[in-house]
Amino acid sequence: MASLPAMKQTILPACCALALPAALFALAFNPQEKSTGDQIVIEVPAPVKALIQRETAGAKVIEFGRSNEDGRLIYEAVVSMDGREYTVRCDAGGNLKRIELRTRDQDRKPLRLDDLPAPIKAAFQKQAKGGVILEVEMQQVEYSAVANINGQKYHVTVNSDGHLLKKEPVGE
């Protein structure tokens, strides 16, 4: 069995030999990322910036990132718009993949059973079969449309207050 100092001499060069190519590969694979202290800065292609500005005019960008999905770079921004947070996803060419409200829970309203219209209350009681109804909530009404925007078809979904819930190209 090798002595401890001899093992250190063998393992340390082997670790360095493996770590250096891995570090060089990581740098080559992500050439657009720069480190500034404790933050990573991502250089954003002009088409991505233009799409986010066009789709979320006046919104504040809260988070931004990118990922590799099936060999394609996908950019994702979380923006605050109209008092709500949305996720905006697009490819490197600035083609919209999806805009979606981050949480729809803010549109749910807790109710008392006695506040419901009589047919709704009766339906819940019938389905409970004599059991106790513990909570009732009203979920939002959604409206969906297909829109042709500059030759591209999009599914657009809004709630009853007209707030955007989701927008994505047809077929994505």
N, C-alpha and C. Protein backbone atom coordinates (compact mmCIF):
# COMPACT_ATOMS: atom_id res chain seq x y z
N MET A 1 0.84 -1.18 0.00
CA MET A 1 0.00 0.00 0.00
C MET A 1 0.89 1.24 0.00
N ALA A 2 0.52 2.27 -0.79
CA ALA A 2 1.33 3.49 -0.91
C ALA A 2 1.21 4.31 0.37
N SER A 3 2.28 5.02 0.68
CA SER A 3 2.25 5.88 1.87
C SER A 3 1.43 7.12 1.58
N LEU A 4 0.97 7.80 2.64
CA LEU A 4 0.13 8.98 2.51
C LEU A 4 0.81 10.08 1.70
N PRO A 5 2.07 10.46 1.96
CA PRO A 5 2.70 11.50 1.14
C PRO A 5 2.78 11.11 -0.33
N ALA A 6 3.02 9.83 -0.61
CA ALA A 6 3.09 9.39 -2.01
C ALA A 6 1.73 9.50 -2.67
N MET A 7 0.64 9.21 -1.94
CA MET A 7 -0.72 9.33 -2.50
C MET A 7 -1.04 10.78 -2.80
N LYS A 8 -0.63 11.69 -1.91
CA LYS A 8 -0.88 13.12 -2.14
C LYS A 8 -0.19 13.58 -3.42
N GLN A 9 1.05 13.10 -3.61
CA GLN A 9 1.80 13.50 -4.79
C GLN A 9 1.16 12.97 -6.06
N THR A 10 0.51 11.82 -6.00
CA THR A 10 -0.12 11.23 -7.17
C THR A 10 -1.49 11.85 -7.43
N ILE A 11 -2.28 12.06 -6.37
CA ILE A 11 -3.65 12.54 -6.52
C ILE A 11 -3.69 14.02 -6.90
N LEU A 12 -2.86 14.85 -6.30
CA LEU A 12 -2.92 16.28 -6.57
C LEU A 12 -2.67 16.61 -8.04
N PRO A 13 -1.61 16.10 -8.68
CA PRO A 13 -1.43 16.39 -10.11
C PRO A 13 -2.58 15.84 -10.96
N ALA A 14 -3.13 14.68 -10.58
CA ALA A 14 -4.25 14.11 -11.34
C ALA A 14 -5.47 15.00 -11.24
N CYS A 15 -5.75 15.53 -10.05
CA CYS A 15 -6.90 16.43 -9.88
C CYS A 15 -6.73 17.69 -10.71
N CYS A 16 -5.51 18.26 -10.69
CA CYS A 16 -5.25 19.47 -11.46
C CYS A 16 -5.38 19.20 -12.96
N ALA A 17 -4.90 18.04 -13.37
CA ALA A 17 -4.98 17.68 -14.79
C ALA A 17 -6.43 17.55 -15.25
N LEU A 18 -7.32 17.11 -14.37
CA LEU A 18 -8.74 17.00 -14.73
C LEU A 18 -9.47 18.33 -14.59
N ALA A 19 -9.11 19.13 -13.59
CA ALA A 19 -9.83 20.38 -13.32
C ALA A 19 -9.55 21.43 -14.38
N LEU A 20 -8.30 21.53 -14.85
CA LEU A 20 -7.95 22.56 -15.81
C LEU A 20 -8.72 22.44 -17.12
N PRO A 21 -8.82 21.27 -17.75
CA PRO A 21 -9.62 21.17 -18.98
C PRO A 21 -11.10 21.47 -18.73
N ALA A 22 -11.62 21.05 -17.57
CA ALA A 22 -13.03 21.32 -17.26
C ALA A 22 -13.27 22.82 -17.13
N ALA A 23 -12.35 23.53 -16.49
CA ALA A 23 -12.50 24.98 -16.34
C ALA A 23 -12.40 25.67 -17.70
N LEU A 24 -11.45 25.25 -18.54
CA LEU A 24 -11.32 25.84 -19.87
C LEU A 24 -12.55 25.57 -20.73
N PHE A 25 -13.13 24.37 -20.62
CA PHE A 25 -14.35 24.05 -21.36
C PHE A 25 -15.49 24.95 -20.91
N ALA A 26 -15.63 25.16 -19.61
CA ALA A 26 -16.71 26.02 -19.09
C ALA A 26 -16.55 27.44 -19.61
N LEU A 27 -15.32 27.95 -19.64
CA LEU A 27 -15.11 29.30 -20.16
C LEU A 27 -15.41 29.39 -21.65
N ALA A 28 -15.03 28.37 -22.40
CA ALA A 28 -15.28 28.38 -23.84
C ALA A 28 -16.76 28.22 -24.15
N PHE A 29 -17.48 27.47 -23.33
CA PHE A 29 -18.88 27.20 -23.59
C PHE A 29 -19.77 28.41 -23.27
N ASN A 30 -19.37 29.24 -22.31
CA ASN A 30 -20.16 30.40 -21.89
C ASN A 30 -19.35 31.69 -22.07
N PRO A 31 -19.00 32.03 -23.29
CA PRO A 31 -18.14 33.19 -23.49
C PRO A 31 -18.83 34.52 -23.19
N GLN A 32 -20.15 34.56 -23.10
CA GLN A 32 -20.84 35.82 -22.89
C GLN A 32 -21.02 36.17 -21.41
N GLU A 33 -20.66 35.27 -20.51
CA GLU A 33 -20.82 35.55 -19.09
C GLU A 33 -19.57 36.20 -18.53
N LYS A 34 -19.76 37.22 -17.72
CA LYS A 34 -18.65 37.90 -17.06
C LYS A 34 -18.96 37.95 -15.57
N SER A 35 -17.94 37.82 -14.77
CA SER A 35 -18.12 37.90 -13.33
C SER A 35 -17.72 39.28 -12.86
N THR A 36 -18.59 39.93 -12.09
CA THR A 36 -18.27 41.23 -11.50
C THR A 36 -18.53 41.11 -10.01
N GLY A 37 -17.52 40.71 -9.29
CA GLY A 37 -17.69 40.53 -7.86
C GLY A 37 -18.53 39.32 -7.57
N ASP A 38 -19.67 39.53 -6.93
CA ASP A 38 -20.52 38.39 -6.56
C ASP A 38 -21.67 38.19 -7.54
N GLN A 39 -21.65 38.87 -8.69
CA GLN A 39 -22.72 38.73 -9.67
C GLN A 39 -22.15 38.24 -11.00
N ILE A 40 -22.97 37.52 -11.75
CA ILE A 40 -22.61 37.13 -13.11
C ILE A 40 -23.41 38.01 -14.04
N VAL A 41 -22.72 38.67 -14.95
CA VAL A 41 -23.37 39.56 -15.91
C VAL A 41 -23.51 38.80 -17.23
N ILE A 42 -24.71 38.79 -17.78
CA ILE A 42 -24.96 38.11 -19.04
C ILE A 42 -25.14 39.15 -20.12
N GLU A 43 -24.33 39.05 -21.17
CA GLU A 43 -24.51 39.95 -22.30
C GLU A 43 -25.74 39.47 -23.07
N VAL A 44 -26.68 40.38 -23.26
CA VAL A 44 -27.95 40.02 -23.87
C VAL A 44 -27.96 40.48 -25.32
N PRO A 45 -28.27 39.57 -26.26
CA PRO A 45 -28.34 39.96 -27.67
C PRO A 45 -29.39 41.06 -27.90
N ALA A 46 -29.12 41.93 -28.84
CA ALA A 46 -30.03 43.03 -29.15
C ALA A 46 -31.47 42.57 -29.43
N PRO A 47 -31.70 41.46 -30.19
CA PRO A 47 -33.08 41.03 -30.43
C PRO A 47 -33.82 40.63 -29.15
N VAL A 48 -33.10 40.08 -28.18
CA VAL A 48 -33.72 39.71 -26.89
C VAL A 48 -34.12 40.97 -26.13
N LYS A 49 -33.21 41.94 -26.07
CA LYS A 49 -33.52 43.22 -25.40
C LYS A 49 -34.73 43.88 -26.05
N ALA A 50 -34.75 43.90 -27.39
CA ALA A 50 -35.85 44.55 -28.12
C ALA A 50 -37.18 43.87 -27.82
N LEU A 51 -37.18 42.54 -27.78
CA LEU A 51 -38.43 41.81 -27.50
C LEU A 51 -38.93 42.13 -26.10
N ILE A 52 -38.05 42.09 -25.11
CA ILE A 52 -38.47 42.36 -23.74
C ILE A 52 -38.98 43.78 -23.60
N GLN A 53 -38.31 44.74 -24.21
CA GLN A 53 -38.78 46.12 -24.16
C GLN A 53 -40.12 46.28 -24.85
N ARG A 54 -40.29 45.63 -26.00
CA ARG A 54 -41.54 45.74 -26.76
C ARG A 54 -42.71 45.09 -26.02
N GLU A 55 -42.49 43.90 -25.46
CA GLU A 55 -43.57 43.16 -24.82
C GLU A 55 -43.90 43.63 -23.41
N THR A 56 -42.94 44.28 -22.75
CA THR A 56 -43.16 44.66 -21.35
C THR A 56 -42.84 46.13 -21.12
N ALA A 57 -43.23 46.97 -22.04
CA ALA A 57 -42.92 48.40 -21.97
C ALA A 57 -43.24 48.96 -20.58
N GLY A 58 -42.26 49.59 -19.98
CA GLY A 58 -42.45 50.21 -18.68
C GLY A 58 -42.30 49.25 -17.50
N ALA A 59 -42.05 47.98 -17.75
CA ALA A 59 -41.91 47.00 -16.67
C ALA A 59 -40.50 47.07 -16.09
N LYS A 60 -40.38 46.64 -14.84
CA LYS A 60 -39.09 46.56 -14.17
C LYS A 60 -38.59 45.12 -14.22
N VAL A 61 -37.38 44.92 -14.72
CA VAL A 61 -36.80 43.58 -14.76
C VAL A 61 -36.28 43.24 -13.37
N ILE A 62 -36.78 42.12 -12.83
CA ILE A 62 -36.41 41.68 -11.48
C ILE A 62 -35.30 40.64 -11.53
N GLU A 63 -35.41 39.69 -12.45
CA GLU A 63 -34.41 38.63 -12.62
C GLU A 63 -34.19 38.42 -14.10
N PHE A 64 -33.02 37.91 -14.43
CA PHE A 64 -32.73 37.60 -15.82
C PHE A 64 -31.77 36.42 -15.86
N GLY A 65 -31.98 35.52 -16.81
CA GLY A 65 -31.10 34.39 -16.94
C GLY A 65 -31.22 33.76 -18.30
N ARG A 66 -30.41 32.75 -18.51
CA ARG A 66 -30.49 32.01 -19.76
C ARG A 66 -30.17 30.56 -19.47
N SER A 67 -30.69 29.72 -20.34
CA SER A 67 -30.45 28.29 -20.18
C SER A 67 -30.31 27.67 -21.57
N ASN A 68 -29.83 26.46 -21.60
CA ASN A 68 -29.67 25.73 -22.84
C ASN A 68 -30.73 24.64 -22.85
N GLU A 69 -31.68 24.73 -23.78
CA GLU A 69 -32.75 23.74 -23.89
C GLU A 69 -32.67 23.10 -25.26
N ASP A 70 -32.35 21.83 -25.28
CA ASP A 70 -32.21 21.07 -26.53
C ASP A 70 -31.23 21.73 -27.49
N GLY A 71 -30.14 22.26 -26.95
CA GLY A 71 -29.12 22.87 -27.79
C GLY A 71 -29.41 24.30 -28.20
N ARG A 72 -30.50 24.88 -27.71
CA ARG A 72 -30.86 26.26 -28.06
C ARG A 72 -30.82 27.13 -26.81
N LEU A 73 -30.25 28.33 -26.95
CA LEU A 73 -30.23 29.26 -25.83
C LEU A 73 -31.63 29.86 -25.65
N ILE A 74 -32.12 29.81 -24.42
CA ILE A 74 -33.40 30.41 -24.08
C ILE A 74 -33.15 31.46 -23.00
N TYR A 75 -33.64 32.65 -23.24
CA TYR A 75 -33.50 33.75 -22.28
C TYR A 75 -34.81 33.88 -21.52
N GLU A 76 -34.70 34.14 -20.22
CA GLU A 76 -35.89 34.26 -19.38
C GLU A 76 -35.74 35.47 -18.46
N ALA A 77 -36.73 36.34 -18.50
CA ALA A 77 -36.75 37.52 -17.64
C ALA A 77 -37.98 37.45 -16.75
N VAL A 78 -37.83 37.84 -15.51
CA VAL A 78 -38.98 38.02 -14.62
C VAL A 78 -39.14 39.52 -14.48
N VAL A 79 -40.33 40.00 -14.83
CA VAL A 79 -40.59 41.44 -14.81
C VAL A 79 -41.78 41.76 -13.92
N SER A 80 -41.77 42.97 -13.38
CA SER A 80 -42.91 43.45 -12.61
C SER A 80 -43.66 44.43 -13.50
N MET A 81 -44.93 44.11 -13.77
CA MET A 81 -45.74 44.89 -14.70
C MET A 81 -47.16 44.95 -14.16
N ASP A 82 -47.72 46.13 -14.05
CA ASP A 82 -49.09 46.32 -13.55
C ASP A 82 -49.28 45.69 -12.16
N GLY A 83 -48.24 45.74 -11.33
CA GLY A 83 -48.34 45.19 -9.98
C GLY A 83 -48.28 43.68 -9.91
N ARG A 84 -47.92 43.03 -11.00
CA ARG A 84 -47.84 41.57 -11.06
C ARG A 84 -46.49 41.16 -11.63
N GLU A 85 -46.08 39.94 -11.31
CA GLU A 85 -44.83 39.43 -11.85
C GLU A 85 -45.09 38.46 -13.00
N TYR A 86 -44.37 38.67 -14.08
CA TYR A 86 -44.49 37.83 -15.27
C TYR A 86 -43.14 37.22 -15.62
N THR A 87 -43.18 36.04 -16.22
CA THR A 87 -41.99 35.41 -16.78
C THR A 87 -42.08 35.57 -18.30
N VAL A 88 -41.02 36.10 -18.89
CA VAL A 88 -40.94 36.29 -20.33
C VAL A 88 -39.82 35.38 -20.83
N ARG A 89 -40.14 34.51 -21.79
CA ARG A 89 -39.16 33.57 -22.35
C ARG A 89 -39.04 33.81 -23.85
N CYS A 90 -37.79 33.83 -24.35
CA CYS A 90 -37.57 33.97 -25.78
C CYS A 90 -36.26 33.29 -26.16
N ASP A 91 -36.06 33.10 -27.46
CA ASP A 91 -34.80 32.52 -27.92
C ASP A 91 -33.81 33.65 -28.22
N ALA A 92 -32.59 33.28 -28.61
CA ALA A 92 -31.54 34.27 -28.86
C ALA A 92 -31.87 35.22 -30.01
N GLY A 93 -32.76 34.80 -30.91
CA GLY A 93 -33.17 35.65 -32.02
C GLY A 93 -34.27 36.63 -31.66
N GLY A 94 -34.72 36.62 -30.39
CA GLY A 94 -35.77 37.52 -29.95
C GLY A 94 -37.16 37.03 -30.31
N ASN A 95 -37.32 35.73 -30.56
CA ASN A 95 -38.63 35.15 -30.86
C ASN A 95 -39.31 34.76 -29.55
N LEU A 96 -40.47 35.32 -29.31
CA LEU A 96 -41.21 35.07 -28.08
C LEU A 96 -41.60 33.61 -27.97
N LYS A 97 -41.34 33.03 -26.81
CA LYS A 97 -41.76 31.66 -26.52
C LYS A 97 -42.96 31.67 -25.58
N ARG A 98 -42.95 32.59 -24.60
CA ARG A 98 -44.09 32.66 -23.67
C ARG A 98 -43.94 33.85 -22.73
N ILE A 99 -45.08 34.47 -22.44
CA ILE A 99 -45.19 35.42 -21.34
C ILE A 99 -46.27 34.84 -20.45
N GLU A 100 -45.97 34.73 -19.16
CA GLU A 100 -46.97 34.12 -18.27
C GLU A 100 -46.90 34.74 -16.88
N LEU A 101 -48.08 34.97 -16.31
CA LEU A 101 -48.18 35.44 -14.94
C LEU A 101 -47.52 34.41 -14.05
N ARG A 102 -46.64 34.83 -13.14
CA ARG A 102 -45.88 33.89 -12.31
C ARG A 102 -46.77 33.12 -11.36
N THR A 103 -47.74 33.77 -10.75
CA THR A 103 -48.66 33.07 -9.85
C THR A 103 -50.06 33.61 -10.07
N ARG A 104 -50.97 32.71 -10.18
CA ARG A 104 -52.35 33.13 -10.38
C ARG A 104 -53.11 33.16 -9.06
N ASP A 105 -52.44 32.83 -7.96
CA ASP A 105 -53.09 32.81 -6.65
C ASP A 105 -53.62 34.18 -6.26
N GLN A 106 -53.01 35.24 -6.76
CA GLN A 106 -53.45 36.57 -6.39
C GLN A 106 -54.84 36.90 -6.94
N ASP A 107 -55.33 36.09 -7.88
CA ASP A 107 -56.66 36.32 -8.42
C ASP A 107 -57.72 35.42 -7.78
N ARG A 108 -57.32 34.62 -6.81
CA ARG A 108 -58.28 33.76 -6.10
C ARG A 108 -58.83 34.51 -4.90
N LYS A 109 -60.12 34.35 -4.68
CA LYS A 109 -60.77 35.08 -3.59
C LYS A 109 -61.47 34.09 -2.66
N PRO A 110 -61.09 34.07 -1.38
CA PRO A 110 -61.79 33.18 -0.44
C PRO A 110 -63.21 33.72 -0.20
N LEU A 111 -64.15 32.81 -0.05
CA LEU A 111 -65.55 33.18 0.16
C LEU A 111 -66.15 32.36 1.30
N ARG A 112 -67.25 32.84 1.80
CA ARG A 112 -68.05 32.06 2.75
C ARG A 112 -69.12 31.33 1.94
N LEU A 113 -69.49 30.14 2.38
CA LEU A 113 -70.50 29.34 1.69
C LEU A 113 -71.80 30.13 1.54
N ASP A 114 -72.17 30.88 2.57
CA ASP A 114 -73.42 31.64 2.53
C ASP A 114 -73.39 32.80 1.54
N ASP A 115 -72.21 33.19 1.07
CA ASP A 115 -72.10 34.28 0.11
C ASP A 115 -72.30 33.82 -1.34
N LEU A 116 -72.35 32.51 -1.55
CA LEU A 116 -72.47 31.97 -2.91
C LEU A 116 -73.90 32.07 -3.43
N PRO A 117 -74.05 32.17 -4.74
CA PRO A 117 -75.39 32.10 -5.32
C PRO A 117 -76.03 30.75 -4.95
N ALA A 118 -77.33 30.75 -4.78
CA ALA A 118 -78.06 29.55 -4.31
C ALA A 118 -77.74 28.29 -5.12
N PRO A 119 -77.70 28.33 -6.46
CA PRO A 119 -77.41 27.10 -7.21
C PRO A 119 -75.99 26.56 -6.95
N ILE A 120 -75.04 27.46 -6.76
CA ILE A 120 -73.66 27.05 -6.50
C ILE A 120 -73.57 26.42 -5.11
N LYS A 121 -74.19 27.08 -4.13
CA LYS A 121 -74.19 26.56 -2.76
C LYS A 121 -74.84 25.17 -2.73
N ALA A 122 -75.97 25.03 -3.41
CA ALA A 122 -76.69 23.75 -3.43
C ALA A 122 -75.85 22.65 -4.08
N ALA A 123 -75.13 22.99 -5.16
CA ALA A 123 -74.29 22.00 -5.85
C ALA A 123 -73.16 21.52 -4.93
N PHE A 124 -72.52 22.45 -4.20
CA PHE A 124 -71.46 22.05 -3.27
C PHE A 124 -72.02 21.16 -2.16
N GLN A 125 -73.17 21.54 -1.62
CA GLN A 125 -73.76 20.75 -0.54
C GLN A 125 -74.16 19.36 -1.03
N LYS A 126 -74.68 19.29 -2.24
CA LYS A 126 -75.06 17.99 -2.81
C LYS A 126 -73.82 17.10 -2.97
N GLN A 127 -72.74 17.67 -3.50
CA GLN A 127 -71.52 16.90 -3.71
C GLN A 127 -70.84 16.52 -2.40
N ALA A 128 -71.02 17.31 -1.35
CA ALA A 128 -70.42 17.01 -0.04
C ALA A 128 -71.18 15.89 0.67
N LYS A 129 -72.39 15.57 0.20
CA LYS A 129 -73.20 14.47 0.74
C LYS A 129 -73.31 14.50 2.27
N GLY A 130 -73.65 15.66 2.79
CA GLY A 130 -73.82 15.81 4.23
C GLY A 130 -72.53 16.12 4.98
N GLY A 131 -71.41 16.10 4.29
CA GLY A 131 -70.13 16.45 4.93
C GLY A 131 -70.03 17.95 5.11
N VAL A 132 -68.97 18.37 5.76
CA VAL A 132 -68.76 19.79 6.04
C VAL A 132 -67.88 20.40 4.95
N ILE A 133 -68.33 21.49 4.38
CA ILE A 133 -67.54 22.23 3.39
C ILE A 133 -66.60 23.13 4.17
N LEU A 134 -65.31 22.91 4.03
CA LEU A 134 -64.32 23.60 4.84
C LEU A 134 -63.92 24.97 4.30
N GLU A 135 -63.84 25.09 3.01
CA GLU A 135 -63.48 26.38 2.43
C GLU A 135 -64.02 26.48 1.02
N VAL A 136 -64.24 27.70 0.60
CA VAL A 136 -64.77 27.98 -0.73
C VAL A 136 -63.94 29.12 -1.30
N GLU A 137 -63.60 29.00 -2.56
CA GLU A 137 -62.91 30.10 -3.22
C GLU A 137 -63.45 30.24 -4.64
N MET A 138 -63.38 31.45 -5.11
CA MET A 138 -63.78 31.70 -6.49
C MET A 138 -62.51 31.84 -7.30
N GLN A 139 -62.41 31.06 -8.35
CA GLN A 139 -61.25 31.19 -9.22
C GLN A 139 -61.58 32.15 -10.34
N GLN A 140 -60.56 32.73 -10.87
CA GLN A 140 -60.76 33.76 -11.89
C GLN A 140 -61.39 33.23 -13.16
N VAL A 141 -62.06 34.12 -13.81
CA VAL A 141 -62.60 33.85 -15.14
C VAL A 141 -61.49 34.20 -16.13
N GLU A 142 -61.26 33.34 -17.10
CA GLU A 142 -60.24 33.59 -18.11
C GLU A 142 -60.88 33.71 -19.48
N TYR A 143 -60.32 34.60 -20.26
CA TYR A 143 -60.73 34.76 -21.64
C TYR A 143 -59.51 34.50 -22.52
N SER A 144 -59.70 33.72 -23.58
CA SER A 144 -58.60 33.41 -24.47
C SER A 144 -58.94 33.83 -25.89
N ALA A 145 -57.92 34.25 -26.60
CA ALA A 145 -58.09 34.64 -28.00
C ALA A 145 -56.85 34.20 -28.77
N VAL A 146 -57.02 34.04 -30.07
CA VAL A 146 -55.89 33.84 -30.96
C VAL A 146 -55.75 35.12 -31.75
N ALA A 147 -54.54 35.69 -31.73
CA ALA A 147 -54.29 36.96 -32.41
C ALA A 147 -53.21 36.77 -33.46
N ASN A 148 -53.35 37.45 -34.58
CA ASN A 148 -52.32 37.45 -35.60
C ASN A 148 -51.53 38.74 -35.43
N ILE A 149 -50.27 38.62 -34.99
CA ILE A 149 -49.43 39.78 -34.73
C ILE A 149 -48.24 39.70 -35.66
N ASN A 150 -48.18 40.61 -36.62
CA ASN A 150 -47.08 40.66 -37.60
C ASN A 150 -46.86 39.31 -38.29
N GLY A 151 -47.96 38.66 -38.66
CA GLY A 151 -47.87 37.40 -39.39
C GLY A 151 -47.69 36.16 -38.52
N GLN A 152 -47.59 36.32 -37.21
CA GLN A 152 -47.42 35.20 -36.29
C GLN A 152 -48.68 35.09 -35.42
N LYS A 153 -49.22 33.86 -35.29
CA LYS A 153 -50.40 33.65 -34.45
C LYS A 153 -49.99 33.39 -33.01
N TYR A 154 -50.72 34.02 -32.07
CA TYR A 154 -50.45 33.89 -30.65
C TYR A 154 -51.74 33.54 -29.91
N HIS A 155 -51.61 32.69 -28.88
CA HIS A 155 -52.69 32.49 -27.90
C HIS A 155 -52.48 33.56 -26.84
N VAL A 156 -53.52 34.32 -26.54
CA VAL A 156 -53.46 35.34 -25.50
C VAL A 156 -54.58 35.06 -24.51
N THR A 157 -54.24 35.03 -23.22
CA THR A 157 -55.23 34.76 -22.17
C THR A 157 -55.20 35.92 -21.18
N VAL A 158 -56.36 36.48 -20.87
CA VAL A 158 -56.49 37.55 -19.88
C VAL A 158 -57.55 37.16 -18.86
N ASN A 159 -57.54 37.84 -17.70
CA ASN A 159 -58.58 37.58 -16.71
C ASN A 159 -59.71 38.58 -16.87
N SER A 160 -60.70 38.49 -16.00
CA SER A 160 -61.89 39.35 -16.13
C SER A 160 -61.59 40.82 -15.90
N ASP A 161 -60.41 41.13 -15.30
CA ASP A 161 -60.00 42.53 -15.12
C ASP A 161 -59.15 43.03 -16.29
N GLY A 162 -58.89 42.15 -17.27
CA GLY A 162 -58.09 42.54 -18.42
C GLY A 162 -56.60 42.40 -18.21
N HIS A 163 -56.17 41.78 -17.10
CA HIS A 163 -54.74 41.56 -16.87
C HIS A 163 -54.27 40.34 -17.66
N LEU A 164 -53.12 40.48 -18.28
CA LEU A 164 -52.53 39.40 -19.05
C LEU A 164 -52.20 38.23 -18.13
N LEU A 165 -52.60 37.03 -18.54
CA LEU A 165 -52.25 35.81 -17.82
C LEU A 165 -51.19 35.03 -18.58
N LYS A 166 -51.31 35.03 -19.93
CA LYS A 166 -50.38 34.24 -20.73
C LYS A 166 -50.44 34.69 -22.19
N LYS A 167 -49.29 34.64 -22.85
CA LYS A 167 -49.20 34.93 -24.28
C LYS A 167 -48.11 34.04 -24.84
N GLU A 168 -48.44 33.25 -25.87
CA GLU A 168 -47.44 32.38 -26.47
C GLU A 168 -47.80 32.11 -27.93
N PRO A 169 -46.79 31.85 -28.76
CA PRO A 169 -47.06 31.55 -30.16
C PRO A 169 -47.87 30.26 -30.30
N VAL A 170 -48.75 30.21 -31.28
CA VAL A 170 -49.52 29.00 -31.55
C VAL A 170 -48.56 27.93 -32.03
N GLY A 171 -48.71 26.74 -31.50
CA GLY A 171 -47.88 25.62 -31.91
C GLY A 171 -46.61 25.45 -31.11
N GLU A 172 -46.35 26.26 -30.11
CA GLU A 172 -45.12 26.13 -29.28
C GLU A 172 -45.42 25.27 -28.08
